[in-house]
Amino acid sequence: MAQVQTRMTRQRAVILEELRKTKTHPTADELYSIVRERLPRISLGTVYRNLDFLADSGEIRRLEAAGSTKRFDGDISRHQHVRCVHCGRIGDVMTPREAPSVDGMDVEGFASVLNSRIEYDGICQDCAGRVRSTSH
């Protein structure tokens, strides 16, 4: 069996540090632009690989929704998100609701249900302002 790389490289540490500093839930491309200010020679592929590694190891959260660009969250505390249906921006829900229990849930074709989460759809303030200004 292959040994899994677990050490915290300098590149991985910088990616993690920059992600934890931002509250915007950036895409890999957005984070790449931020990280390049500190590590000008880093490649986009390195950022992608390290984000996947950090998400798989539980250091960060990967935010995925069907048809939407994958985004990342450096805050792994228990919280929920709202996604703008116009631009895809993601925000943290300040008063999260309790996710439904999966205990005893029976779903045809599944051996078990492991987890549930709540994600909200909404319209961010920027998009709401643009909608208002174009309707007048």
C-alpha atoms as a PDB file:
ATOM      1  CA  MET A   1       0.000   0.000   0.000  1.00  0.00           C
ATOM      2  CA  ALA A   2       1.340   3.475  -0.900  1.00  0.00           C
ATOM      3  CA  GLN A   3       2.244   5.870   1.881  1.00  0.00           C
ATOM      4  CA  VAL A   4      -0.069   8.904   1.941  1.00  0.00           C
ATOM      5  CA  GLN A   5       1.762  12.229   2.005  1.00  0.00           C
ATOM      6  CA  THR A   6       0.724  14.007   5.173  1.00  0.00           C
ATOM      7  CA  ARG A   7       3.421  16.558   5.909  1.00  0.00           C
ATOM      8  CA  MET A   8       2.562  20.223   5.842  1.00  0.00           C
ATOM      9  CA  THR A   9       4.638  21.629   2.978  1.00  0.00           C
ATOM     10  CA  ARG A  10       5.304  25.368   2.788  1.00  0.00           C
ATOM     11  CA  GLN A  11       2.972  25.651  -0.210  1.00  0.00           C
ATOM     12  CA  ARG A  12       0.206  23.761   1.590  1.00  0.00           C
ATOM     13  CA  ALA A  13       0.673  25.896   4.712  1.00  0.00           C
ATOM     14  CA  VAL A  14       0.412  29.146   2.706  1.00  0.00           C
ATOM     15  CA  ILE A  15      -2.704  27.918   0.866  1.00  0.00           C
ATOM     16  CA  LEU A  16      -4.325  26.945   4.174  1.00  0.00           C
ATOM     17  CA  GLU A  17      -3.348  30.222   5.846  1.00  0.00           C
ATOM     18  CA  GLU A  18      -4.692  32.357   2.992  1.00  0.00           C
ATOM     19  CA  LEU A  19      -7.927  30.370   2.801  1.00  0.00           C
ATOM     20  CA  ARG A  20      -8.504  30.743   6.538  1.00  0.00           C
ATOM     21  CA  LYS A  21      -7.995  34.525   6.251  1.00  0.00           C
ATOM     22  CA  THR A  22     -10.767  34.966   3.690  1.00  0.00           C
ATOM     23  CA  LYS A  23     -14.491  34.767   4.334  1.00  0.00           C
ATOM     24  CA  THR A  24     -15.458  34.765   0.644  1.00  0.00           C
ATOM     25  CA  HIS A  25     -15.391  30.980   0.061  1.00  0.00           C
ATOM     26  CA  PRO A  26     -13.087  31.314  -2.957  1.00  0.00           C
ATOM     27  CA  THR A  27     -12.748  29.050  -5.974  1.00  0.00           C
ATOM     28  CA  ALA A  28      -9.366  27.411  -6.582  1.00  0.00           C
ATOM     29  CA  ASP A  29      -8.636  30.028  -9.266  1.00  0.00           C
ATOM     30  CA  GLU A  30      -9.450  32.893  -6.891  1.00  0.00           C
ATOM     31  CA  LEU A  31      -7.271  31.405  -4.156  1.00  0.00           C
ATOM     32  CA  TYR A  32      -4.479  30.837  -6.690  1.00  0.00           C
ATOM     33  CA  SER A  33      -4.442  34.602  -7.403  1.00  0.00           C
ATOM     34  CA  ILE A  34      -4.183  35.334  -3.684  1.00  0.00           C
ATOM     35  CA  VAL A  35      -1.479  32.719  -2.993  1.00  0.00           C
ATOM     36  CA  ARG A  36       0.631  33.863  -5.973  1.00  0.00           C
ATOM     37  CA  GLU A  37       1.256  37.159  -4.185  1.00  0.00           C
ATOM     38  CA  ARG A  38       3.220  35.184  -1.582  1.00  0.00           C
ATOM     39  CA  LEU A  39       4.435  32.313  -3.775  1.00  0.00           C
ATOM     40  CA  PRO A  40       4.853  33.741  -7.299  1.00  0.00           C
ATOM     41  CA  ARG A  41       6.134  30.459  -8.757  1.00  0.00           C
ATOM     42  CA  ILE A  42       3.305  28.237  -7.522  1.00  0.00           C
ATOM     43  CA  SER A  43       1.247  26.557 -10.258  1.00  0.00           C
ATOM     44  CA  LEU A  44      -2.521  26.395 -10.485  1.00  0.00           C
ATOM     45  CA  GLY A  45      -2.263  22.591 -10.490  1.00  0.00           C
ATOM     46  CA  THR A  46      -0.398  22.684  -7.178  1.00  0.00           C
ATOM     47  CA  VAL A  47      -3.164  24.818  -5.658  1.00  0.00           C
ATOM     48  CA  TYR A  48      -5.839  22.400  -6.913  1.00  0.00           C
ATOM     49  CA  ARG A  49      -3.983  19.321  -5.622  1.00  0.00           C
ATOM     50  CA  ASN A  50      -3.367  20.887  -2.215  1.00  0.00           C
ATOM     51  CA  LEU A  51      -6.969  22.058  -1.855  1.00  0.00           C
ATOM     52  CA  ASP A  52      -8.161  18.537  -2.629  1.00  0.00           C
ATOM     53  CA  PHE A  53      -5.668  17.098  -0.138  1.00  0.00           C
ATOM     54  CA  LEU A  54      -6.703  19.570   2.582  1.00  0.00           C
ATOM     55  CA  ALA A  55     -10.406  18.870   1.962  1.00  0.00           C
ATOM     56  CA  ASP A  56      -9.905  15.092   1.960  1.00  0.00           C
ATOM     57  CA  SER A  57      -7.934  15.324   5.216  1.00  0.00           C
ATOM     58  CA  GLY A  58     -10.633  17.461   6.908  1.00  0.00           C
ATOM     59  CA  GLU A  59      -8.520  20.628   7.254  1.00  0.00           C
ATOM     60  CA  ILE A  60     -10.909  22.629   5.030  1.00  0.00           C
ATOM     61  CA  ARG A  61     -14.385  22.206   3.604  1.00  0.00           C
ATOM     62  CA  ARG A  62     -15.094  21.685  -0.114  1.00  0.00           C
ATOM     63  CA  LEU A  63     -18.390  23.327  -1.101  1.00  0.00           C
ATOM     64  CA  GLU A  64     -19.985  21.685  -4.112  1.00  0.00           C
ATOM     65  CA  ALA A  65     -23.402  22.028  -5.642  1.00  0.00           C
ATOM     66  CA  ALA A  66     -24.587  20.574  -8.907  1.00  0.00           C
ATOM     67  CA  GLY A  67     -23.849  22.947 -11.765  1.00  0.00           C
ATOM     68  CA  SER A  68     -21.853  25.346  -9.596  1.00  0.00           C
ATOM     69  CA  THR A  69     -18.146  26.054  -9.377  1.00  0.00           C
ATOM     70  CA  LYS A  70     -16.447  24.261  -6.501  1.00  0.00           C
ATOM     71  CA  ARG A  71     -15.557  26.635  -3.653  1.00  0.00           C
ATOM     72  CA  PHE A  72     -13.583  26.175  -0.450  1.00  0.00           C
ATOM     73  CA  ASP A  73     -14.081  27.181   3.177  1.00  0.00           C
ATOM     74  CA  GLY A  74     -11.241  27.404   5.682  1.00  0.00           C
ATOM     75  CA  ASP A  75     -13.703  27.461   8.581  1.00  0.00           C
ATOM     76  CA  ILE A  76     -14.521  23.862   9.466  1.00  0.00           C
ATOM     77  CA  SER A  77     -16.640  24.745  12.492  1.00  0.00           C
ATOM     78  CA  ARG A  78     -20.250  23.629  12.301  1.00  0.00           C
ATOM     79  CA  HIS A  79     -22.143  26.158  10.195  1.00  0.00           C
ATOM     80  CA  GLN A  80     -24.323  26.440   7.105  1.00  0.00           C
ATOM     81  CA  HIS A  81     -24.156  28.376   3.866  1.00  0.00           C
ATOM     82  CA  VAL A  82     -26.340  30.442   1.569  1.00  0.00           C
ATOM     83  CA  ARG A  83     -25.533  30.569  -2.170  1.00  0.00           C
ATOM     84  CA  CYS A  84     -26.575  33.445  -4.444  1.00  0.00           C
ATOM     85  CA  VAL A  85     -28.641  32.018  -7.300  1.00  0.00           C
ATOM     86  CA  HIS A  86     -27.372  34.762  -9.631  1.00  0.00           C
ATOM     87  CA  CYS A  87     -23.599  34.962  -9.111  1.00  0.00           C
ATOM     88  CA  GLY A  88     -22.775  31.859  -7.015  1.00  0.00           C
ATOM     89  CA  ARG A  89     -21.369  33.839  -4.089  1.00  0.00           C
ATOM     90  CA  ILE A  90     -21.494  31.924  -0.798  1.00  0.00           C
ATOM     91  CA  GLY A  91     -22.049  33.376   2.655  1.00  0.00           C
ATOM     92  CA  ASP A  92     -22.083  31.896   6.131  1.00  0.00           C
ATOM     93  CA  VAL A  93     -25.450  31.537   7.868  1.00  0.00           C
ATOM     94  CA  MET A  94     -25.087  33.305  11.195  1.00  0.00           C
ATOM     95  CA  THR A  95     -27.962  31.471  12.915  1.00  0.00           C
ATOM     96  CA  PRO A  96     -27.761  27.895  11.592  1.00  0.00           C
ATOM     97  CA  ARG A  97     -30.709  25.537  11.854  1.00  0.00           C
ATOM     98  CA  GLU A  98     -30.452  21.941  13.013  1.00  0.00           C
ATOM     99  CA  ALA A  99     -30.000  19.566  10.065  1.00  0.00           C
ATOM    100  CA  PRO A 100     -32.566  16.742   9.856  1.00  0.00           C
ATOM    101  CA  SER A 101     -31.599  13.503  11.577  1.00  0.00           C
ATOM    102  CA  VAL A 102     -30.652  10.572   9.346  1.00  0.00           C
ATOM    103  CA  ASP A 103     -31.184   7.979  12.096  1.00  0.00           C
ATOM    104  CA  GLY A 104     -33.306   5.135  10.782  1.00  0.00           C
ATOM    105  CA  MET A 105     -33.729   6.771   7.378  1.00  0.00           C
ATOM    106  CA  ASP A 106     -34.602   4.185   4.733  1.00  0.00           C
ATOM    107  CA  VAL A 107     -33.786   5.165   1.156  1.00  0.00           C
ATOM    108  CA  GLU A 108     -34.363   2.755  -1.715  1.00  0.00           C
ATOM    109  CA  GLY A 109     -31.081   1.669  -3.288  1.00  0.00           C
ATOM    110  CA  PHE A 110     -28.879   2.921  -0.413  1.00  0.00           C
ATOM    111  CA  ALA A 111     -27.392   0.814   2.360  1.00  0.00           C
ATOM    112  CA  SER A 112     -27.284   3.835   4.665  1.00  0.00           C
ATOM    113  CA  VAL A 113     -27.521   7.614   4.810  1.00  0.00           C
ATOM    114  CA  LEU A 114     -24.447   9.094   6.477  1.00  0.00           C
ATOM    115  CA  ASN A 115     -25.143  12.770   6.871  1.00  0.00           C
ATOM    116  CA  SER A 116     -27.491  15.631   6.076  1.00  0.00           C
ATOM    117  CA  ARG A 117     -26.850  19.315   5.633  1.00  0.00           C
ATOM    118  CA  ILE A 118     -28.819  22.429   4.948  1.00  0.00           C
ATOM    119  CA  GLU A 119     -27.760  24.895   2.262  1.00  0.00           C
ATOM    120  CA  TYR A 120     -29.882  27.883   1.390  1.00  0.00           C
ATOM    121  CA  ASP A 121     -30.440  29.630  -1.945  1.00  0.00           C
ATOM    122  CA  GLY A 122     -30.752  33.400  -1.955  1.00  0.00           C
ATOM    123  CA  ILE A 123     -29.813  36.633  -3.683  1.00  0.00           C
ATOM    124  CA  CYS A 124     -26.761  38.511  -2.393  1.00  0.00           C
ATOM    125  CA  GLN A 125     -26.919  42.252  -1.768  1.00  0.00           C
ATOM    126  CA  ASP A 126     -24.839  43.077  -4.870  1.00  0.00           C
ATOM    127  CA  CYS A 127     -27.139  41.099  -7.178  1.00  0.00           C
ATOM    128  CA  ALA A 128     -30.266  42.465  -5.475  1.00  0.00           C
ATOM    129  CA  GLY A 129     -28.945  45.994  -6.090  1.00  0.00           C
ATOM    130  CA  ARG A 130     -28.285  45.244  -9.760  1.00  0.00           C
ATOM    131  CA  VAL A 131     -31.761  43.746 -10.189  1.00  0.00           C
ATOM    132  CA  ARG A 132     -33.343  46.834  -8.575  1.00  0.00           C
ATOM    133  CA  SER A 133     -31.281  49.275 -10.655  1.00  0.00           C
ATOM    134  CA  THR A 134     -32.109  47.549 -13.975  1.00  0.00           C
ATOM    135  CA  SER A 135     -35.842  47.354 -13.252  1.00  0.00           C
ATOM    136  CA  HIS A 136     -36.247  51.144 -13.057  1.00  0.00           C
END
